[in-house]
N, C-alpha and C. Protein backbone atom coordinates (compact mmCIF):
# COMPACT_ATOMS: atom_id res chain seq x y z
N UNK A 1 9.30 5.73 12.73
CA UNK A 1 8.97 5.56 11.37
C UNK A 1 9.55 7.05 10.84
N UNK A 2 10.29 7.35 9.78
CA UNK A 2 10.86 8.53 9.27
C UNK A 2 9.70 8.96 8.23
N UNK A 3 9.74 10.37 8.42
CA UNK A 3 8.65 11.02 7.60
C UNK A 3 9.36 12.66 7.23
N UNK A 4 8.84 12.96 6.25
CA UNK A 4 9.51 14.42 5.61
C UNK A 4 8.84 14.64 4.27
N UNK A 5 9.17 15.98 4.05
CA UNK A 5 8.67 16.62 2.83
C UNK A 5 10.07 16.39 1.65
N UNK A 6 9.51 16.07 0.72
CA UNK A 6 10.46 15.90 -0.72
C UNK A 6 9.95 17.06 -1.76
N UNK A 7 11.01 17.91 -2.21
CA UNK A 7 10.82 18.78 -3.24
C UNK A 7 11.68 18.41 -4.43
N UNK A 8 11.10 18.35 -5.63
CA UNK A 8 11.99 18.23 -6.87
C UNK A 8 12.10 19.65 -7.28
N UNK A 9 13.40 20.14 -7.61
CA UNK A 9 13.61 21.41 -8.25
C UNK A 9 14.67 21.39 -9.17
N UNK A 10 14.26 21.71 -10.46
CA UNK A 10 15.23 21.85 -11.57
C UNK A 10 15.00 23.39 -12.11
N UNK A 11 15.98 23.96 -12.14
CA UNK A 11 16.02 25.38 -12.74
C UNK A 11 15.91 25.33 -14.23
N UNK A 12 15.23 26.49 -14.80
CA UNK A 12 15.31 26.76 -16.20
C UNK A 12 15.82 28.01 -16.49
N UNK A 13 16.04 28.42 -17.51
CA UNK A 13 16.90 29.67 -18.01
C UNK A 13 16.52 30.98 -17.34
N UNK A 14 15.22 30.96 -17.03
CA UNK A 14 14.82 32.18 -16.31
C UNK A 14 14.05 32.03 -14.98
N UNK A 15 14.04 30.88 -14.32
CA UNK A 15 13.51 30.65 -13.08
C UNK A 15 14.36 29.74 -12.24
N UNK A 16 14.73 30.07 -11.02
CA UNK A 16 15.46 29.29 -10.20
C UNK A 16 14.46 28.56 -9.14
N UNK A 17 14.19 27.38 -9.52
CA UNK A 17 13.34 26.69 -8.88
C UNK A 17 13.99 26.14 -7.32
N UNK A 18 15.44 26.09 -7.46
CA UNK A 18 15.98 25.70 -6.36
C UNK A 18 15.98 26.76 -5.25
N UNK A 19 15.80 28.19 -5.75
CA UNK A 19 15.83 29.29 -4.61
C UNK A 19 14.27 29.36 -4.26
N UNK A 20 13.33 28.83 -5.10
CA UNK A 20 11.98 28.72 -4.50
C UNK A 20 11.91 27.55 -3.34
N UNK A 21 12.55 26.50 -3.69
CA UNK A 21 12.46 25.34 -2.84
C UNK A 21 13.42 25.82 -1.50
N UNK A 22 14.17 26.74 -1.51
CA UNK A 22 14.96 27.14 -0.17
C UNK A 22 13.83 28.16 0.56
N UNK A 23 13.16 28.81 -0.11
CA UNK A 23 12.17 29.59 0.61
C UNK A 23 10.98 28.73 1.17
N UNK A 24 10.62 27.63 0.53
CA UNK A 24 9.75 26.48 1.04
C UNK A 24 10.44 26.00 2.22
N UNK A 25 11.67 25.57 2.28
CA UNK A 25 12.34 24.96 3.24
C UNK A 25 12.59 26.00 4.44
N UNK A 26 12.63 27.29 4.38
CA UNK A 26 12.60 28.26 5.24
C UNK A 26 11.39 28.17 6.15
N UNK A 27 10.07 28.44 5.24
CA UNK A 27 8.99 28.38 5.83
C UNK A 27 8.57 27.16 6.49
N UNK A 28 8.99 26.10 6.22
CA UNK A 28 8.67 24.82 6.83
C UNK A 28 9.60 24.66 8.25
N UNK A 29 10.73 25.17 8.13
CA UNK A 29 11.60 25.01 9.32
C UNK A 29 11.17 26.14 10.36
N UNK A 30 10.39 27.17 9.85
CA UNK A 30 10.16 28.16 10.93
C UNK A 30 8.81 27.85 11.41
N UNK A 31 7.83 27.07 10.64
CA UNK A 31 6.49 26.76 11.36
C UNK A 31 6.51 25.15 11.91
N UNK A 32 7.51 24.38 11.50
CA UNK A 32 7.62 23.04 11.85
C UNK A 32 9.09 22.40 12.00
N UNK A 33 9.63 22.99 13.06
CA UNK A 33 11.11 22.67 13.14
C UNK A 33 11.72 21.49 13.24
N UNK A 34 10.71 20.38 13.43
CA UNK A 34 11.09 19.05 13.61
C UNK A 34 10.74 18.36 12.23
N UNK A 35 10.24 18.85 11.20
CA UNK A 35 9.98 18.29 10.24
C UNK A 35 11.13 18.39 9.17
N UNK A 36 11.45 17.17 8.73
CA UNK A 36 12.36 16.85 7.76
C UNK A 36 12.09 17.31 6.30
N UNK A 37 13.12 17.97 5.76
CA UNK A 37 12.70 18.39 4.37
C UNK A 37 14.02 18.12 3.30
N UNK A 38 13.73 17.41 2.28
CA UNK A 38 14.82 17.06 1.33
C UNK A 38 14.53 17.66 -0.02
N UNK A 39 15.77 17.89 -0.80
CA UNK A 39 15.45 18.38 -2.26
C UNK A 39 16.12 17.42 -3.14
N UNK A 40 15.65 17.07 -4.17
CA UNK A 40 16.19 16.26 -5.36
C UNK A 40 16.26 17.28 -6.49
N UNK A 41 17.60 17.50 -6.90
CA UNK A 41 17.99 18.28 -7.90
C UNK A 41 19.46 18.00 -8.57
N UNK A 42 19.64 18.34 -9.66
CA UNK A 42 20.86 18.43 -10.26
C UNK A 42 21.67 19.93 -10.29
N UNK A 43 20.93 20.83 -9.73
CA UNK A 43 21.27 22.12 -9.74
C UNK A 43 22.08 22.40 -8.37
N UNK A 44 22.89 23.59 -8.40
CA UNK A 44 23.72 23.88 -7.21
C UNK A 44 22.73 24.33 -6.21
N UNK A 45 22.90 24.02 -4.75
CA UNK A 45 21.92 24.50 -3.90
C UNK A 45 22.96 25.42 -2.87
N UNK A 46 22.61 26.78 -2.86
CA UNK A 46 23.25 27.65 -2.09
C UNK A 46 23.31 27.46 -0.70
N UNK A 47 22.00 27.33 -0.16
CA UNK A 47 21.72 27.25 1.38
C UNK A 47 21.57 25.88 1.76
N UNK A 48 22.44 25.05 1.74
CA UNK A 48 22.43 23.61 1.96
C UNK A 48 21.90 23.21 3.39
N UNK A 49 22.33 24.22 4.15
CA UNK A 49 21.86 23.80 5.71
C UNK A 49 20.21 23.76 5.79
N UNK A 50 19.43 24.39 4.66
CA UNK A 50 18.02 24.37 4.71
C UNK A 50 17.66 22.97 4.62
N UNK A 51 18.41 22.07 4.03
CA UNK A 51 17.79 20.83 3.61
C UNK A 51 18.44 19.63 4.50
N UNK A 52 17.56 18.65 4.86
CA UNK A 52 18.31 17.44 5.71
C UNK A 52 19.01 16.57 4.68
N UNK A 53 18.61 16.51 3.42
CA UNK A 53 19.26 15.75 2.37
C UNK A 53 19.37 16.56 1.07
N UNK A 54 20.42 16.42 0.30
CA UNK A 54 20.18 16.97 -1.07
C UNK A 54 20.67 15.75 -2.01
N UNK A 55 19.54 15.41 -2.76
CA UNK A 55 19.53 14.02 -3.54
C UNK A 55 19.79 14.40 -4.96
N UNK A 56 20.74 13.84 -5.53
CA UNK A 56 20.90 13.86 -6.98
C UNK A 56 19.74 13.29 -7.76
N UNK A 57 19.43 13.74 -8.89
CA UNK A 57 18.26 13.24 -9.69
C UNK A 57 18.74 11.80 -10.15
N UNK A 58 18.12 10.85 -9.74
CA UNK A 58 18.38 9.44 -10.17
C UNK A 58 18.16 8.93 -11.55
N UNK A 59 19.22 8.16 -12.06
CA UNK A 59 18.89 7.54 -13.53
C UNK A 59 18.94 8.48 -14.65
N UNK A 60 19.65 9.38 -14.33
CA UNK A 60 19.87 10.46 -15.52
C UNK A 60 18.58 11.36 -15.52
N UNK A 61 18.73 12.44 -16.21
CA UNK A 61 17.71 13.66 -16.18
C UNK A 61 16.77 13.33 -17.53
N UNK A 62 15.62 13.02 -17.10
CA UNK A 62 14.72 12.56 -18.30
C UNK A 62 14.11 13.92 -18.61
N UNK A 63 14.37 15.13 -18.12
CA UNK A 63 13.85 16.41 -18.41
C UNK A 63 15.05 17.33 -18.87
N UNK A 64 16.01 16.89 -19.19
CA UNK A 64 17.04 17.74 -19.64
C UNK A 64 16.67 18.84 -20.64
N UNK A 65 15.87 18.32 -21.81
CA UNK A 65 15.61 19.28 -22.88
C UNK A 65 14.12 19.76 -22.65
N UNK A 66 13.60 19.70 -21.59
CA UNK A 66 12.33 20.17 -21.36
C UNK A 66 12.08 21.65 -20.50
N UNK A 67 11.17 22.33 -20.81
CA UNK A 67 10.84 23.61 -19.80
C UNK A 67 9.84 23.19 -18.80
N UNK A 68 9.06 21.92 -18.90
CA UNK A 68 8.31 21.96 -17.86
C UNK A 68 8.93 21.16 -16.83
N UNK A 69 9.94 20.46 -16.92
CA UNK A 69 10.64 19.63 -16.02
C UNK A 69 9.63 18.70 -15.10
N UNK A 70 8.68 17.89 -15.72
CA UNK A 70 7.93 17.25 -14.84
C UNK A 70 8.20 15.68 -15.30
N UNK A 71 9.16 15.44 -16.16
CA UNK A 71 9.54 14.05 -16.46
C UNK A 71 10.31 13.28 -15.28
N UNK A 72 10.70 13.86 -14.44
CA UNK A 72 11.42 13.12 -13.17
C UNK A 72 10.67 13.17 -12.01
N UNK A 73 9.45 13.51 -11.89
CA UNK A 73 8.54 13.51 -10.83
C UNK A 73 8.33 12.02 -10.28
N UNK A 74 8.35 11.19 -11.35
CA UNK A 74 8.09 9.84 -10.83
C UNK A 74 9.08 9.24 -9.98
N UNK A 75 10.30 9.84 -10.03
CA UNK A 75 11.43 9.20 -9.35
C UNK A 75 11.56 9.48 -7.90
N UNK A 76 10.60 10.65 -7.49
CA UNK A 76 10.58 10.93 -6.09
C UNK A 76 10.17 9.67 -5.34
N UNK A 77 9.16 9.02 -5.74
CA UNK A 77 8.89 7.74 -5.07
C UNK A 77 9.94 6.90 -4.60
N UNK A 78 10.86 6.57 -5.57
CA UNK A 78 12.09 5.81 -5.34
C UNK A 78 13.26 6.67 -4.52
N UNK A 79 13.32 7.85 -4.77
CA UNK A 79 14.62 8.59 -4.24
C UNK A 79 14.26 9.20 -2.79
N UNK A 80 13.00 9.28 -2.37
CA UNK A 80 12.65 9.81 -0.96
C UNK A 80 13.29 8.99 0.03
N UNK A 81 13.86 9.67 1.04
CA UNK A 81 14.84 9.09 2.11
C UNK A 81 13.78 8.69 3.20
N UNK A 82 12.43 8.80 2.99
CA UNK A 82 11.56 8.65 4.06
C UNK A 82 10.52 7.60 3.85
N UNK A 83 10.16 7.05 4.94
CA UNK A 83 9.03 5.99 4.90
C UNK A 83 7.65 6.60 4.49
N UNK A 84 7.45 7.68 4.96
CA UNK A 84 6.29 8.56 4.74
C UNK A 84 6.61 10.00 4.04
N UNK A 85 6.19 10.20 3.07
CA UNK A 85 6.45 11.40 2.13
C UNK A 85 5.54 12.26 1.78
N UNK A 86 5.58 13.48 2.05
CA UNK A 86 4.58 14.56 1.37
C UNK A 86 5.54 15.34 0.25
N UNK A 87 4.92 15.14 -1.02
CA UNK A 87 5.86 15.90 -1.93
C UNK A 87 5.14 17.09 -2.30
N UNK A 88 5.90 18.15 -2.21
CA UNK A 88 5.36 19.72 -2.46
C UNK A 88 6.02 20.34 -3.61
N UNK A 89 5.50 21.28 -4.28
CA UNK A 89 5.93 21.86 -5.31
C UNK A 89 6.85 23.19 -4.83
N UNK A 90 7.68 23.58 -5.49
CA UNK A 90 8.77 24.62 -5.11
C UNK A 90 7.98 25.84 -4.78
N UNK A 91 6.95 26.07 -5.32
CA UNK A 91 6.32 27.57 -5.27
C UNK A 91 5.37 27.41 -4.05
N UNK A 92 5.46 26.75 -3.00
CA UNK A 92 4.55 26.40 -1.97
C UNK A 92 5.32 27.10 -0.83
N UNK A 93 4.39 27.35 0.22
CA UNK A 93 4.93 27.92 1.50
C UNK A 93 4.17 27.03 2.60
N UNK A 94 4.83 26.67 3.71
CA UNK A 94 4.07 26.12 4.89
C UNK A 94 4.06 27.23 6.00
N UNK A 95 2.80 27.59 6.25
CA UNK A 95 2.46 28.90 7.01
C UNK A 95 1.99 28.25 8.40
N UNK A 96 1.80 26.97 8.63
CA UNK A 96 1.35 26.66 9.92
C UNK A 96 1.67 25.24 10.28
N UNK A 97 1.27 24.87 11.44
CA UNK A 97 1.80 23.48 11.97
C UNK A 97 1.21 22.48 10.97
N UNK A 98 1.77 21.38 10.55
CA UNK A 98 1.32 20.60 9.54
C UNK A 98 1.05 19.17 10.14
N UNK A 99 1.27 19.19 11.61
CA UNK A 99 1.10 17.75 12.13
C UNK A 99 -0.15 17.01 12.01
N UNK A 100 -1.08 17.81 11.58
CA UNK A 100 -2.64 17.19 11.40
C UNK A 100 -2.49 16.45 9.95
N UNK A 101 -1.59 17.00 9.31
CA UNK A 101 -1.45 16.35 7.68
C UNK A 101 -1.06 15.05 8.00
N UNK A 102 0.01 14.85 8.77
CA UNK A 102 0.62 13.45 8.99
C UNK A 102 -0.46 12.45 9.65
N UNK A 103 -1.09 13.02 10.37
CA UNK A 103 -2.40 12.05 11.05
C UNK A 103 -3.28 11.61 9.91
N UNK A 104 -3.75 12.66 9.27
CA UNK A 104 -4.47 12.36 8.03
C UNK A 104 -3.86 11.37 6.96
N UNK A 105 -2.66 11.53 6.79
CA UNK A 105 -1.78 10.78 5.52
C UNK A 105 -1.21 9.37 6.20
N UNK A 106 -1.52 8.99 7.40
CA UNK A 106 -1.23 7.80 8.00
C UNK A 106 -1.26 6.51 7.08
N UNK A 107 -2.25 6.42 6.19
CA UNK A 107 -2.65 5.35 5.30
C UNK A 107 -1.79 5.55 3.85
N UNK A 108 -0.93 6.43 3.73
CA UNK A 108 -0.38 6.54 2.55
C UNK A 108 1.25 6.57 2.71
N UNK A 109 1.75 5.85 1.71
CA UNK A 109 3.24 6.06 1.79
C UNK A 109 3.92 7.44 1.16
N UNK A 110 3.24 7.74 0.22
CA UNK A 110 3.64 8.97 -0.41
C UNK A 110 2.43 9.59 -0.90
N UNK A 111 2.35 11.04 -0.70
CA UNK A 111 1.37 11.86 -1.01
C UNK A 111 1.88 13.14 -1.96
N UNK A 112 1.32 13.37 -3.08
CA UNK A 112 1.80 14.53 -3.92
C UNK A 112 0.61 15.58 -3.57
N UNK A 113 1.02 16.80 -3.31
CA UNK A 113 0.08 17.87 -3.26
C UNK A 113 -0.29 18.46 -4.60
């Protein structure tokens, strides 16, 4: 069964959420090297090797004219490449082993933090 972390990152004029997602991916890879992590974005990703998959935002960008960029979060459920998914915000870090999370979340298909 495939499992992994998914993060939705859409930059705004003064914040690079993709850069934040890259730092999240670095922290995840450092503390949990076997955990898959994918990003959903329409922005350029400089460090593509940090992600197992880079997924374009499906069905157009519903947050095109928004500063909050929350209008596309529902699409994560459909776009996740994993059977079990933890959705994380871009401003999070993974600082320890999360294998106990997977055990706790066995009864969920997707879990938003």
